[in-house]
Amino acid sequence: MAYKISDSCVNCGACEGECPVGAISEQNGKREIDSSACVSCGTCAAACPTEAIAEE
């Protein structure tokens, strides 16, 4: 099950550098997770200072 970034994301980018498969990118002024590339490791959620990332 892939992870998803909620509206509480402040676009700080902390998650993007932590993703081991490069599934996170900035699009339209916010971070998004490519669900087809996500390996559901949870590293991004642990790195998020606003707890904006959770499993779908």
C-alpha atoms as a PDB file:
ATOM      1  CA  MET A   1       0.000   0.000   0.000  1.00  0.00           C
ATOM      2  CA  ALA A   2       1.489   3.324  -1.068  1.00  0.00           C
ATOM      3  CA  TYR A   3       1.850   6.421   1.059  1.00  0.00           C
ATOM      4  CA  LYS A   4       0.065   9.709   0.390  1.00  0.00           C
ATOM      5  CA  ILE A   5       0.821  13.316   1.325  1.00  0.00           C
ATOM      6  CA  SER A   6      -2.089  15.242   2.861  1.00  0.00           C
ATOM      7  CA  ASP A   7      -2.973  18.925   2.654  1.00  0.00           C
ATOM      8  CA  SER A   8      -1.090  19.580   5.906  1.00  0.00           C
ATOM      9  CA  CYS A   9       2.162  19.341   3.915  1.00  0.00           C
ATOM     10  CA  VAL A  10       4.167  22.591   4.106  1.00  0.00           C
ATOM     11  CA  ASN A  11       6.339  21.647   1.082  1.00  0.00           C
ATOM     12  CA  CYS A  12       9.563  21.642   3.122  1.00  0.00           C
ATOM     13  CA  GLY A  13      11.088  18.811   1.065  1.00  0.00           C
ATOM     14  CA  ALA A  14      12.334  16.770   4.035  1.00  0.00           C
ATOM     15  CA  CYS A  15      10.646  13.653   2.665  1.00  0.00           C
ATOM     16  CA  GLU A  16      11.977  13.864  -0.876  1.00  0.00           C
ATOM     17  CA  GLY A  17      15.627  13.395   0.054  1.00  0.00           C
ATOM     18  CA  GLU A  18      14.795  10.465   2.320  1.00  0.00           C
ATOM     19  CA  CYS A  19      12.880   8.386  -0.235  1.00  0.00           C
ATOM     20  CA  PRO A  20      15.127   5.457  -1.252  1.00  0.00           C
ATOM     21  CA  VAL A  21      13.393   5.004  -4.613  1.00  0.00           C
ATOM     22  CA  GLY A  22      12.922   8.654  -5.603  1.00  0.00           C
ATOM     23  CA  ALA A  23       9.135   8.430  -5.597  1.00  0.00           C
ATOM     24  CA  ILE A  24       8.602  11.961  -4.236  1.00  0.00           C
ATOM     25  CA  SER A  25       8.760  15.112  -6.320  1.00  0.00           C
ATOM     26  CA  GLU A  26       7.442  18.650  -6.285  1.00  0.00           C
ATOM     27  CA  GLN A  27       4.486  19.286  -8.555  1.00  0.00           C
ATOM     28  CA  ASN A  28       2.258  22.352  -8.672  1.00  0.00           C
ATOM     29  CA  GLY A  29       3.847  23.846  -5.535  1.00  0.00           C
ATOM     30  CA  LYS A  30       3.497  20.743  -3.360  1.00  0.00           C
ATOM     31  CA  ARG A  31       5.149  17.354  -2.861  1.00  0.00           C
ATOM     32  CA  GLU A  32       3.562  14.281  -4.372  1.00  0.00           C
ATOM     33  CA  ILE A  33       4.312  10.569  -4.121  1.00  0.00           C
ATOM     34  CA  ASP A  34       4.304   8.437  -7.264  1.00  0.00           C
ATOM     35  CA  SER A  35       2.229   5.506  -5.995  1.00  0.00           C
ATOM     36  CA  SER A  36       3.561   3.187  -8.697  1.00  0.00           C
ATOM     37  CA  ALA A  37       7.147   3.783  -7.535  1.00  0.00           C
ATOM     38  CA  CYS A  38       6.465   3.829  -3.773  1.00  0.00           C
ATOM     39  CA  VAL A  39       7.692   0.704  -1.956  1.00  0.00           C
ATOM     40  CA  SER A  40       5.726   1.497   1.244  1.00  0.00           C
ATOM     41  CA  CYS A  41       8.830   1.646   3.429  1.00  0.00           C
ATOM     42  CA  GLY A  42       7.567   4.565   5.553  1.00  0.00           C
ATOM     43  CA  THR A  43      10.840   6.484   5.481  1.00  0.00           C
ATOM     44  CA  CYS A  44       9.100   9.589   4.159  1.00  0.00           C
ATOM     45  CA  ALA A  45       6.486   9.522   6.926  1.00  0.00           C
ATOM     46  CA  ALA A  46       9.200   9.309   9.570  1.00  0.00           C
ATOM     47  CA  ALA A  47      10.998  12.311   8.041  1.00  0.00           C
ATOM     48  CA  CYS A  48       7.908  14.539   7.802  1.00  0.00           C
ATOM     49  CA  PRO A  49       7.906  17.265  10.487  1.00  0.00           C
ATOM     50  CA  THR A  50       4.156  17.928  10.087  1.00  0.00           C
ATOM     51  CA  GLU A  51       3.052  14.273  10.007  1.00  0.00           C
ATOM     52  CA  ALA A  52       1.430  14.926   6.635  1.00  0.00           C
ATOM     53  CA  ILE A  53       2.329  11.511   5.176  1.00  0.00           C
ATOM     54  CA  ALA A  54       0.373   8.338   5.881  1.00  0.00           C
ATOM     55  CA  GLU A  55      -0.492   5.043   4.223  1.00  0.00           C
ATOM     56  CA  GLU A  56      -3.432   5.169   1.840  1.00  0.00           C
END
